[in-house]
Amino acid sequence: MERLQVILYYKYLGFSLEKIAELLKEERTDLLLHLTR
């Protein structure tokens, strides 16, 4: 369920599904790092 929430947050922020998939493939995804971009 946590993973789905992360996907929905990224989608809400305007990230494409392709970019979200790429970010989730990273071993340690830092949500705050991506939010500050």
N, C-alpha and C. Protein backbone atom coordinates (compact mmCIF):
# COMPACT_ATOMS: atom_id res chain seq x y z
N MET A 1 0.82 -1.19 0.00
CA MET A 1 0.00 0.00 0.00
C MET A 1 0.87 1.26 0.00
N GLU A 2 1.98 1.21 0.70
CA GLU A 2 2.88 2.37 0.77
C GLU A 2 3.40 2.74 -0.62
N ARG A 3 3.72 1.73 -1.41
CA ARG A 3 4.24 1.99 -2.77
C ARG A 3 3.19 2.69 -3.63
N LEU A 4 1.94 2.27 -3.50
CA LEU A 4 0.86 2.90 -4.26
C LEU A 4 0.70 4.36 -3.85
N GLN A 5 0.83 4.65 -2.57
CA GLN A 5 0.73 6.03 -2.10
C GLN A 5 1.84 6.89 -2.70
N VAL A 6 3.05 6.35 -2.76
CA VAL A 6 4.17 7.08 -3.35
C VAL A 6 3.89 7.37 -4.82
N ILE A 7 3.39 6.37 -5.54
CA ILE A 7 3.06 6.55 -6.96
C ILE A 7 2.01 7.65 -7.12
N LEU A 8 0.99 7.61 -6.30
CA LEU A 8 -0.07 8.62 -6.39
C LEU A 8 0.44 10.02 -6.06
N TYR A 9 1.35 10.13 -5.08
CA TYR A 9 1.94 11.44 -4.76
C TYR A 9 2.71 11.98 -5.94
N TYR A 10 3.56 11.15 -6.52
CA TYR A 10 4.35 11.59 -7.67
C TYR A 10 3.43 12.00 -8.83
N LYS A 11 2.40 11.21 -9.08
CA LYS A 11 1.46 11.51 -10.17
C LYS A 11 0.74 12.83 -9.90
N TYR A 12 0.33 13.04 -8.68
CA TYR A 12 -0.34 14.28 -8.30
C TYR A 12 0.56 15.49 -8.53
N LEU A 13 1.86 15.30 -8.31
CA LEU A 13 2.83 16.38 -8.49
C LEU A 13 3.21 16.59 -9.95
N GLY A 14 2.68 15.75 -10.84
CA GLY A 14 2.90 15.99 -12.26
C GLY A 14 3.97 15.13 -12.90
N PHE A 15 4.52 14.16 -12.16
CA PHE A 15 5.51 13.27 -12.75
C PHE A 15 4.81 12.31 -13.71
N SER A 16 5.48 11.98 -14.81
CA SER A 16 4.92 10.99 -15.75
C SER A 16 5.08 9.60 -15.15
N LEU A 17 4.27 8.67 -15.63
CA LEU A 17 4.38 7.29 -15.13
C LEU A 17 5.74 6.70 -15.44
N GLU A 18 6.30 7.08 -16.58
CA GLU A 18 7.63 6.58 -16.95
C GLU A 18 8.68 7.07 -15.95
N LYS A 19 8.59 8.35 -15.57
CA LYS A 19 9.54 8.93 -14.61
C LYS A 19 9.35 8.31 -13.23
N ILE A 20 8.11 8.08 -12.84
CA ILE A 20 7.82 7.45 -11.55
C ILE A 20 8.43 6.06 -11.51
N ALA A 21 8.26 5.29 -12.58
CA ALA A 21 8.83 3.94 -12.64
C ALA A 21 10.34 4.00 -12.50
N GLU A 22 10.95 4.97 -13.17
CA GLU A 22 12.40 5.13 -13.11
C GLU A 22 12.84 5.46 -11.67
N LEU A 23 12.11 6.35 -11.02
CA LEU A 23 12.46 6.74 -9.65
C LEU A 23 12.29 5.57 -8.68
N LEU A 24 11.26 4.76 -8.89
CA LEU A 24 11.01 3.65 -7.98
C LEU A 24 12.00 2.51 -8.17
N LYS A 25 12.65 2.46 -9.34
CA LYS A 25 13.66 1.44 -9.57
C LYS A 25 14.93 1.70 -8.78
N GLU A 26 15.15 2.98 -8.43
CA GLU A 26 16.31 3.32 -7.63
C GLU A 26 16.20 2.63 -6.28
N GLU A 27 17.32 2.18 -5.78
CA GLU A 27 17.29 1.42 -4.53
C GLU A 27 16.75 2.24 -3.37
N ARG A 28 17.23 3.46 -3.24
CA ARG A 28 16.77 4.33 -2.15
C ARG A 28 16.20 5.60 -2.76
N THR A 29 14.91 5.66 -2.87
CA THR A 29 14.26 6.83 -3.43
C THR A 29 13.98 7.81 -2.29
N ASP A 30 14.52 9.01 -2.43
CA ASP A 30 14.32 10.05 -1.43
C ASP A 30 13.25 11.01 -1.93
N LEU A 31 12.07 10.91 -1.39
CA LEU A 31 10.95 11.72 -1.84
C LEU A 31 11.26 13.21 -1.74
N LEU A 32 11.87 13.64 -0.64
CA LEU A 32 12.16 15.06 -0.46
C LEU A 32 13.13 15.57 -1.51
N LEU A 33 14.08 14.77 -1.91
CA LEU A 33 15.03 15.17 -2.94
C LEU A 33 14.30 15.46 -4.24
N HIS A 34 13.35 14.62 -4.60
CA HIS A 34 12.60 14.82 -5.84
C HIS A 34 11.63 15.99 -5.74
N LEU A 35 11.13 16.24 -4.56
CA LEU A 35 10.19 17.35 -4.39
C LEU A 35 10.88 18.69 -4.53
N THR A 36 12.17 18.75 -4.24
CA THR A 36 12.89 20.02 -4.32
C THR A 36 13.41 20.32 -5.71
N ARG A 37 13.25 19.42 -6.65
CA ARG A 37 13.72 19.63 -8.02
C ARG A 37 12.83 20.57 -8.77
